[in-house]
Amino acid sequence: MNIGIFTDTYSPQISGVATSILTMETELRKRGHNVYIFTTTDPYANRESEEGRVFRLPSIPFIFFPERRIAIAGMNKFIRLVGELNLDIIHTHTEFSLGLLGKKIAKKYSIPSIHTYHTMYEDYLHYIAKGKILKPKMVRKMTRSFCDSYDALIAPTEKVRHHLEECGIRKRMYTIPTGTNIQSFGQASSEGIEALRRELGIKKQDDVILSLGRVAHEKNIDAIIQAMPAILEEKPNVKLVVVGDGPVRKELEELVEKLALSSAVIFTGAVEWCDVGLYYQLGNLFVSASTSETQGLTYLEAMASRIPVVAKEDESIAEILVDKETGFVFQTDDEIAETVILALQNKTLASEVAVHALKQVHHYSSDQFGKNIEETYLEVYNIYYSKQNKKRLNMQSTLIKSKMASQVFSLTSNTHVRKGRSSHRD
């Protein structure tokens, strides 16, 4: 198949959406498909390696998420380009610039279209005038309006599917979790881990709890920092390593100073994607207090890296994290310290949890992800053209019936005329 993927977020940007698309693209190419990426410009993109497969529109930083970009020009050029590529299916991954363009092109060229809903926008309203303009009800209405024109929707988890259904969306829907390339998170060399510990000033006897991802309000990293004094009372040699960058990093650094935790909390900033696996190996535990995830790829990556996950209870992780079996799950922020201490003090239990988690994560492999996406494309494609053919047949049938009716009417009219003339002659 010729597949067009439309997204505002793509490599080298680091995010769950970018990772999902890169994994999908790789797996679909392995299966023999032609995949074309339509996205925004990025100052760090390697244009040479992208030639012929990635097409970028001029873009600017998005006002509400400056680290993300939206397209501002070149759309007509893309419309012509897609006409030449003969796409079989269009798959959008954003509700903004490239998503709108993908919808427009699908309609123009009568191409079946699918949309993956990645972001629960109701968790992000604080970015827009501190939630004073857009309300949840308005967001649900906008979501329904955007999604209604697609032939099918993909939800990464049941949590997202339920949200879309609550928005009143009744389209064909598939629940397809993003897969993880398990091999890329295999055991790193002990030398590499030790070198990283030295670089960060972490001693051999220190336990490391790791937070990795976008440093933003909705990730609730401040709750983990607030739990650190209680953790340190029981485990004085614990270090919290916050890997990533984002809009609240400065605010969190100020909180660390205020709580006199500067010697126990380390901010690394953004790291190269190729180094992410090494940072996971650095940790004794991976900790998250977020409930804004649509899937939580970082949990799967940590599980693949063989480190136990401590996470806040949420529908998005209900299928992958079972308390004290495949992870450690807490319900409220007040329970973070207690749960972390339990995991650190019970090394045998933590080790067993990590083993069970690794087995669990194999159900979410990148290979399975590619297979699920491929099957979905084929099904949607076949349904779309089956409907198109049915419409064509109905139109042909209507046309034939119309012609037959016209002929019958014509014959009837001629008969009436002949009868009238005959009567006149009499």
Protein backbone atom coordinates (compact mmCIF):
# COMPACT_ATOMS: atom_id res chain seq x y z
CA MET A 1 0.00 0.00 0.00
CA ASN A 2 0.96 3.65 -0.43
CA ILE A 3 0.41 5.17 3.01
CA GLY A 4 0.33 8.88 3.87
CA ILE A 5 0.94 9.82 7.52
CA PHE A 6 0.11 13.42 8.47
CA THR A 7 1.50 14.72 11.77
CA ASP A 8 2.66 17.97 13.39
CA THR A 9 5.08 15.96 15.56
CA TYR A 10 7.85 13.78 14.16
CA SER A 11 11.48 12.84 14.76
CA PRO A 12 13.83 14.43 15.83
CA GLN A 13 11.22 15.77 18.27
CA ILE A 14 10.96 13.57 21.37
CA SER A 15 7.43 12.73 22.47
CA GLY A 16 5.09 9.78 22.76
CA VAL A 17 3.41 10.72 19.48
CA ALA A 18 6.72 11.02 17.60
CA THR A 19 7.87 7.66 18.99
CA SER A 20 4.57 6.02 18.03
CA ILE A 21 4.77 7.30 14.45
CA LEU A 22 8.42 6.33 14.03
CA THR A 23 7.68 2.80 15.28
CA MET A 24 4.66 2.53 12.99
CA GLU A 25 6.61 3.77 9.97
CA THR A 26 9.47 1.32 10.61
CA GLU A 27 7.17 -1.68 11.02
CA LEU A 28 5.04 -0.86 7.96
CA ARG A 29 8.16 -0.50 5.80
CA LYS A 30 9.34 -3.91 7.05
CA ARG A 31 6.05 -5.29 5.74
CA GLY A 32 6.71 -3.92 2.27
CA HIS A 33 4.54 -0.79 2.31
CA ASN A 34 5.50 2.64 0.99
CA VAL A 35 5.17 5.15 3.84
CA TYR A 36 5.25 8.91 3.24
CA ILE A 37 5.43 11.31 6.20
CA PHE A 38 3.90 14.79 5.88
CA THR A 39 4.98 16.98 8.78
CA THR A 40 6.38 20.33 9.90
CA THR A 41 9.87 21.71 9.46
CA ASP A 42 12.34 21.16 12.28
CA PRO A 43 15.70 22.91 12.64
CA TYR A 44 17.35 19.66 13.79
CA ALA A 45 15.97 17.39 11.07
CA ASN A 46 18.43 15.47 8.87
CA ARG A 47 17.00 16.34 5.46
CA GLU A 48 19.37 14.07 3.52
CA SER A 49 18.23 10.90 5.30
CA GLU A 50 14.58 11.95 4.85
CA GLU A 51 14.65 12.63 1.12
CA GLY A 52 11.80 11.03 -0.80
CA ARG A 53 9.97 9.78 2.29
CA VAL A 54 9.49 12.81 4.59
CA PHE A 55 7.93 16.03 3.32
CA ARG A 56 8.01 19.09 5.58
CA LEU A 57 5.85 22.22 5.49
CA PRO A 58 7.17 25.60 6.67
CA SER A 59 6.14 25.93 10.32
CA ILE A 60 6.37 28.00 13.49
CA PRO A 61 6.26 27.04 17.20
CA PHE A 62 2.71 26.46 18.44
CA ILE A 63 1.73 29.33 20.73
CA PHE A 64 0.41 27.09 23.53
CA PHE A 65 3.15 24.42 23.22
CA PRO A 66 6.30 26.23 21.99
CA GLU A 67 8.26 22.98 21.71
CA ARG A 68 5.69 21.77 19.14
CA ARG A 69 5.17 23.26 15.69
CA ILE A 70 2.29 24.01 13.29
CA ALA A 71 2.43 24.44 9.52
CA ILE A 72 1.85 27.92 8.09
CA ALA A 73 2.42 27.54 4.32
CA GLY A 74 2.94 25.16 1.42
CA MET A 75 -0.38 23.35 1.68
CA ASN A 76 -1.31 23.64 -2.01
CA LYS A 77 2.05 22.14 -2.93
CA PHE A 78 1.32 19.15 -0.66
CA ILE A 79 -2.12 18.70 -2.20
CA ARG A 80 -0.55 18.44 -5.67
CA LEU A 81 2.19 16.12 -4.37
CA VAL A 82 -0.30 13.69 -2.83
CA GLY A 83 -2.11 13.56 -6.18
CA GLU A 84 1.13 12.27 -7.73
CA LEU A 85 1.86 9.70 -4.99
CA ASN A 86 -1.36 7.76 -5.53
CA LEU A 87 -2.02 7.15 -1.83
CA ASP A 88 -4.21 4.22 -0.81
CA ILE A 89 -4.89 5.47 2.71
CA ILE A 90 -4.35 8.61 4.80
CA HIS A 91 -3.60 8.38 8.53
CA THR A 92 -3.57 11.60 10.58
CA HIS A 93 -2.07 12.00 14.07
CA THR A 94 -2.98 15.57 14.98
CA GLU A 95 -6.10 17.70 15.26
CA PHE A 96 -4.23 20.80 14.09
CA SER A 97 -2.51 21.93 10.87
CA LEU A 98 -1.40 18.65 9.26
CA GLY A 99 -4.49 16.84 10.52
CA LEU A 100 -6.78 19.38 8.85
CA LEU A 101 -4.71 19.14 5.67
CA GLY A 102 -4.89 15.34 5.70
CA LYS A 103 -8.68 15.48 6.00
CA LYS A 104 -8.91 17.96 3.12
CA ILE A 105 -6.72 15.85 0.84
CA ALA A 106 -8.60 12.64 1.68
CA LYS A 107 -11.85 14.31 0.68
CA LYS A 108 -10.41 15.88 -2.48
CA TYR A 109 -8.98 12.61 -3.84
CA SER A 110 -11.57 10.23 -2.29
CA ILE A 111 -8.97 8.39 -0.19
CA PRO A 112 -10.03 6.40 2.90
CA SER A 113 -8.88 8.17 6.08
CA ILE A 114 -8.03 7.09 9.64
CA HIS A 115 -7.21 9.23 12.66
CA THR A 116 -5.35 8.26 15.84
CA TYR A 117 -6.49 10.28 18.85
CA HIS A 118 -3.33 10.69 20.95
CA THR A 119 -4.08 13.54 23.34
CA MET A 120 -6.72 13.97 26.06
CA TYR A 121 -7.09 17.73 25.61
CA GLU A 122 -9.19 18.18 28.72
CA ASP A 123 -5.97 17.56 30.70
CA TYR A 124 -4.24 20.44 28.86
CA LEU A 125 -6.76 23.29 29.14
CA HIS A 126 -4.54 25.09 31.66
CA TYR A 127 -2.21 26.01 28.77
CA ILE A 128 -4.94 28.11 27.13
CA ALA A 129 -5.68 31.21 29.24
CA LYS A 130 -5.41 29.01 32.35
CA GLY A 131 -8.57 27.15 31.39
CA LYS A 132 -10.76 30.27 31.42
CA ILE A 133 -11.68 30.22 27.71
CA LEU A 134 -12.03 26.59 26.66
CA LYS A 135 -14.19 24.36 28.83
CA PRO A 136 -14.35 20.53 28.77
CA LYS A 137 -17.81 20.60 27.13
CA MET A 138 -16.46 22.79 24.29
CA VAL A 139 -13.46 20.48 23.80
CA ARG A 140 -15.71 17.42 23.56
CA LYS A 141 -17.83 19.17 20.94
CA MET A 142 -14.73 20.14 18.93
CA THR A 143 -13.38 16.59 19.20
CA ARG A 144 -16.64 15.16 17.88
CA SER A 145 -16.69 17.66 15.01
CA PHE A 146 -13.10 16.82 14.02
CA CYS A 147 -13.44 13.03 14.23
CA ASP A 148 -16.84 12.61 12.58
CA SER A 149 -15.58 12.86 9.00
CA TYR A 150 -13.10 9.95 9.25
CA ASP A 151 -13.77 6.43 8.01
CA ALA A 152 -12.27 5.00 11.21
CA LEU A 153 -10.56 6.04 14.44
CA ILE A 154 -7.73 4.46 16.42
CA ALA A 155 -7.57 4.75 20.21
CA PRO A 156 -4.26 3.73 21.89
CA THR A 157 -6.13 2.45 24.98
CA GLU A 158 -9.63 1.69 26.25
CA LYS A 159 -9.39 4.92 28.26
CA VAL A 160 -9.19 6.93 25.03
CA ARG A 161 -11.92 4.85 23.38
CA HIS A 162 -14.27 5.50 26.31
CA HIS A 163 -13.46 9.22 26.14
CA LEU A 164 -14.32 9.35 22.42
CA GLU A 165 -17.56 7.49 23.04
CA GLU A 166 -18.41 9.96 25.84
CA CYS A 167 -17.86 12.74 23.30
CA GLY A 168 -20.70 11.20 21.28
CA ILE A 169 -18.53 9.71 18.53
CA ARG A 170 -20.02 6.60 16.92
CA LYS A 171 -17.49 5.91 14.16
CA ARG A 172 -15.76 2.60 13.45
CA MET A 173 -13.11 2.44 16.19
CA TYR A 174 -10.06 0.24 16.84
CA THR A 175 -8.11 0.03 20.10
CA ILE A 176 -4.45 -0.41 19.11
CA PRO A 177 -1.72 0.17 21.72
CA THR A 178 1.56 1.54 20.37
CA GLY A 179 4.27 -1.11 20.39
CA THR A 180 7.71 -0.90 21.94
CA ASN A 181 10.92 -2.01 20.32
CA ILE A 182 11.92 -4.26 23.22
CA GLN A 183 15.40 -4.97 21.83
CA SER A 184 16.37 -1.28 21.91
CA PHE A 185 15.86 -1.28 25.70
CA GLY A 186 17.98 -4.33 26.42
CA GLN A 187 20.65 -4.49 29.09
CA ALA A 188 23.26 -1.74 28.70
CA SER A 189 26.92 -2.29 29.50
CA SER A 190 27.89 -1.87 33.15
CA GLU A 191 30.70 0.44 32.02
CA GLY A 192 28.21 2.74 30.28
CA ILE A 193 25.95 2.87 33.33
CA GLU A 194 28.88 3.56 35.67
CA ALA A 195 30.15 6.34 33.41
CA LEU A 196 26.71 7.97 33.45
CA ARG A 197 26.52 7.71 37.25
CA ARG A 198 29.87 9.45 37.55
CA GLU A 199 28.78 12.17 35.11
CA LEU A 200 25.66 12.86 37.19
CA GLY A 201 27.46 12.63 40.54
CA ILE A 202 25.60 9.53 41.70
CA LYS A 203 27.51 7.31 44.11
CA LYS A 204 27.69 3.53 43.89
CA GLN A 205 25.57 3.05 47.03
CA ASP A 206 22.82 5.46 45.86
CA ASP A 207 19.43 4.14 44.74
CA VAL A 208 18.01 6.00 41.74
CA ILE A 209 14.36 6.71 41.09
CA LEU A 210 13.77 7.93 37.56
CA SER A 211 11.23 10.30 36.02
CA LEU A 212 11.49 10.46 32.24
CA GLY A 213 9.40 12.46 29.79
CA ARG A 214 8.03 15.93 29.14
CA VAL A 215 8.55 18.17 32.17
CA ALA A 216 5.07 19.67 32.21
CA HIS A 217 2.29 20.46 34.65
CA GLU A 218 0.10 17.51 33.62
CA LYS A 219 2.90 15.02 34.37
CA ASN A 220 2.57 15.85 38.10
CA ILE A 221 6.33 15.61 38.74
CA ASP A 222 5.95 18.08 41.60
CA ALA A 223 4.08 15.37 43.57
CA ILE A 224 7.15 13.11 43.32
CA ILE A 225 9.42 15.94 44.50
CA GLN A 226 7.05 16.67 47.40
CA ALA A 227 7.36 12.99 48.40
CA MET A 228 11.17 13.07 48.47
CA PRO A 229 11.65 14.27 52.11
CA ALA A 230 9.61 11.31 53.40
CA ILE A 231 11.51 8.92 51.11
CA LEU A 232 14.87 10.28 52.27
CA GLU A 233 13.92 9.79 55.92
CA GLU A 234 13.76 6.04 55.31
CA LYS A 235 16.28 5.80 52.45
CA PRO A 236 18.88 8.61 52.77
CA ASN A 237 20.86 7.45 49.73
CA VAL A 238 18.09 7.97 47.16
CA LYS A 239 18.49 10.24 44.14
CA LEU A 240 15.61 11.41 41.96
CA VAL A 241 16.75 11.87 38.35
CA VAL A 242 14.38 13.91 36.17
CA VAL A 243 15.15 13.23 32.50
CA GLY A 244 13.60 15.60 29.96
CA ASP A 245 12.67 19.22 29.52
CA GLY A 246 9.53 21.29 29.39
CA PRO A 247 7.61 24.37 30.49
CA VAL A 248 7.68 23.78 34.26
CA ARG A 249 11.32 22.77 34.69
CA LYS A 250 12.29 26.12 36.25
CA GLU A 251 9.30 25.94 38.58
CA LEU A 252 10.30 22.43 39.70
CA GLU A 253 13.92 23.50 40.23
CA GLU A 254 12.65 26.30 42.51
CA LEU A 255 10.54 23.76 44.43
CA VAL A 256 13.63 21.57 44.91
CA GLU A 257 15.53 24.55 46.35
CA LYS A 258 12.65 25.48 48.61
CA LEU A 259 12.54 21.93 50.04
CA ALA A 260 16.36 21.83 50.40
CA LEU A 261 16.58 18.84 48.06
CA SER A 262 19.31 20.09 45.69
CA SER A 263 21.66 17.24 46.66
CA ALA A 264 18.96 14.62 46.07
CA VAL A 265 17.27 15.75 42.83
CA ILE A 266 19.06 15.91 39.47
CA PHE A 267 17.63 17.55 36.31
CA THR A 268 19.37 16.26 33.18
CA GLY A 269 17.41 18.28 30.61
CA ALA A 270 16.54 16.73 27.24
CA VAL A 271 18.72 13.80 26.16
CA GLU A 272 19.34 12.23 22.75
CA TRP A 273 16.88 9.47 21.84
CA CYS A 274 19.76 7.03 21.32
CA ASP A 275 20.76 7.54 25.00
CA VAL A 276 17.30 7.09 26.52
CA GLY A 277 17.81 3.33 27.04
CA LEU A 278 20.93 4.01 29.09
CA TYR A 279 19.05 6.39 31.39
CA TYR A 280 16.41 3.74 32.05
CA GLN A 281 19.18 1.30 33.04
CA LEU A 282 20.45 3.90 35.49
CA GLY A 283 17.27 3.63 37.56
CA ASN A 284 16.31 1.24 40.35
CA LEU A 285 12.71 2.37 39.91
CA PHE A 286 10.74 4.29 37.30
CA VAL A 287 8.19 6.61 38.96
CA SER A 288 5.23 8.50 37.47
CA ALA A 289 2.37 10.34 39.16
CA SER A 290 0.68 11.34 35.89
CA THR A 291 -2.93 10.51 35.01
CA SER A 292 -2.92 12.43 31.70
CA GLU A 293 -1.42 9.60 29.64
CA THR A 294 -3.35 8.11 26.74
CA GLN A 295 -1.10 5.07 26.91
CA GLY A 296 2.15 5.81 28.72
CA LEU A 297 4.89 4.54 26.42
CA THR A 298 7.48 5.37 29.06
CA TYR A 299 5.98 2.67 31.31
CA LEU A 300 6.43 0.06 28.58
CA GLU A 301 9.96 1.28 27.89
CA ALA A 302 10.84 1.00 31.59
CA MET A 303 9.33 -2.49 31.75
CA ALA A 304 11.36 -3.49 28.67
CA SER A 305 14.43 -2.06 30.44
CA ARG A 306 13.82 -4.46 33.36
CA ILE A 307 13.24 -1.82 36.02
CA PRO A 308 10.10 -1.86 38.21
CA VAL A 309 7.48 0.81 37.54
CA VAL A 310 5.78 2.81 40.31
CA ALA A 311 2.72 4.54 38.87
CA LYS A 312 -0.51 6.25 39.82
CA GLU A 313 -3.67 4.22 39.24
CA ASP A 314 -5.31 5.14 35.92
CA GLU A 315 -7.43 3.44 33.27
CA SER A 316 -4.69 3.96 30.67
CA ILE A 317 -2.36 1.51 32.48
CA ALA A 318 -4.93 -0.87 33.99
CA GLU A 319 -4.13 -3.60 31.47
CA ILE A 320 -0.35 -3.47 31.86
CA LEU A 321 0.33 -2.64 35.52
CA VAL A 322 -1.07 -4.87 38.25
CA ASP A 323 -0.01 -3.92 41.78
CA LYS A 324 2.87 -6.05 43.11
CA GLU A 325 2.68 -8.29 40.02
CA THR A 326 3.84 -6.21 37.04
CA GLY A 327 4.33 -2.90 38.88
CA PHE A 328 3.70 -0.93 42.05
CA VAL A 329 0.48 1.10 41.88
CA PHE A 330 -0.62 3.89 44.22
CA GLN A 331 -3.97 5.71 44.25
CA THR A 332 -3.24 9.16 45.68
CA ASP A 333 -0.18 11.43 45.71
CA ASP A 334 0.05 10.94 49.50
CA GLU A 335 0.96 7.29 48.85
CA ILE A 336 3.98 7.97 46.60
CA ALA A 337 6.59 7.90 49.38
CA GLU A 338 5.16 4.77 50.99
CA THR A 339 5.03 2.92 47.64
CA VAL A 340 8.57 3.93 46.61
CA ILE A 341 9.98 2.90 50.01
CA LEU A 342 8.18 -0.46 49.78
CA ALA A 343 9.67 -1.13 46.34
CA LEU A 344 13.19 -0.10 47.39
CA GLN A 345 13.18 -2.07 50.65
CA ASN A 346 11.80 -5.29 49.10
CA LYS A 347 14.48 -6.11 46.55
CA THR A 348 13.21 -9.66 45.96
CA LEU A 349 9.65 -8.48 45.29
CA ALA A 350 10.92 -5.68 43.04
CA SER A 351 13.00 -8.18 41.06
CA GLU A 352 10.00 -10.51 40.62
CA VAL A 353 7.83 -7.59 39.50
CA ALA A 354 10.44 -6.62 36.90
CA VAL A 355 10.54 -10.21 35.53
CA HIS A 356 6.74 -10.41 35.25
CA ALA A 357 6.63 -6.95 33.67
CA LEU A 358 9.13 -7.96 30.99
CA LYS A 359 6.92 -10.93 30.05
CA GLN A 360 3.90 -8.61 29.94
CA VAL A 361 5.56 -6.07 27.68
CA HIS A 362 6.10 -8.70 24.97
CA HIS A 363 2.37 -8.40 24.22
CA TYR A 364 3.12 -4.81 23.21
CA SER A 365 5.99 -5.44 20.80
CA SER A 366 6.59 -3.15 17.83
CA ASP A 367 6.11 -6.13 15.50
CA GLN A 368 2.61 -6.77 16.86
CA PHE A 369 1.85 -3.06 16.58
CA GLY A 370 2.82 -3.08 12.89
CA LYS A 371 0.67 -6.14 12.25
CA ASN A 372 -2.35 -4.56 13.97
CA ILE A 373 -2.01 -1.32 12.00
CA GLU A 374 -1.60 -3.18 8.69
CA GLU A 375 -4.72 -5.28 9.32
CA THR A 376 -6.68 -2.14 10.21
CA TYR A 377 -5.60 -0.34 7.04
CA LEU A 378 -6.62 -3.29 4.86
CA GLU A 379 -10.00 -3.62 6.56
CA VAL A 380 -10.80 0.09 6.34
CA TYR A 381 -9.60 0.20 2.72
CA ASN A 382 -11.79 -2.75 1.71
CA ILE A 383 -14.85 -1.41 3.55
CA TYR A 384 -14.38 2.02 1.97
CA TYR A 385 -14.21 0.72 -1.59
CA SER A 386 -16.96 -1.80 -0.99
CA LYS A 387 -19.19 1.13 -0.01
CA GLN A 388 -17.98 3.12 -3.01
CA ASN A 389 -18.81 0.25 -5.36
CA LYS A 390 -22.22 -0.16 -3.74
CA LYS A 391 -22.86 3.55 -4.23
CA ARG A 392 -21.79 3.26 -7.85
CA LEU A 393 -24.04 0.26 -8.42
CA ASN A 394 -26.94 2.08 -6.74
CA MET A 395 -26.31 5.12 -8.93
CA GLN A 396 -26.15 2.92 -12.03
CA SER A 397 -29.32 1.14 -10.96
CA THR A 398 -31.07 4.46 -10.35
CA LEU A 399 -29.87 5.73 -13.73
CA ILE A 400 -31.11 2.59 -15.51
CA LYS A 401 -34.47 2.82 -13.74
CA SER A 402 -34.67 6.49 -14.64
CA LYS A 403 -33.94 5.73 -18.30
CA MET A 404 -36.50 2.91 -18.33
CA ALA A 405 -39.11 5.18 -16.72
CA SER A 406 -38.31 7.87 -19.29
CA GLN A 407 -38.72 5.38 -22.15
CA VAL A 408 -42.03 4.08 -20.75
CA PHE A 409 -43.24 7.67 -20.32
CA SER A 410 -42.20 8.44 -23.89
CA LEU A 411 -44.02 5.38 -25.27
CA THR A 412 -47.10 6.21 -23.24
CA SER A 413 -47.08 9.82 -24.46
CA ASN A 414 -46.77 8.73 -28.11
CA THR A 415 -49.67 6.33 -27.71
CA HIS A 416 -51.88 9.11 -26.30
CA VAL A 417 -50.94 11.38 -29.19
CA ARG A 418 -51.79 8.72 -31.82
CA LYS A 419 -55.11 8.00 -30.15
CA GLY A 420 -55.97 11.69 -30.11
CA ARG A 421 -55.22 12.12 -33.81
CA SER A 422 -57.25 9.04 -34.75
CA SER A 423 -60.26 10.36 -32.86
CA HIS A 424 -59.95 13.69 -34.64
CA ARG A 425 -60.08 12.04 -38.05
CA ASP A 426 -63.27 10.22 -37.12
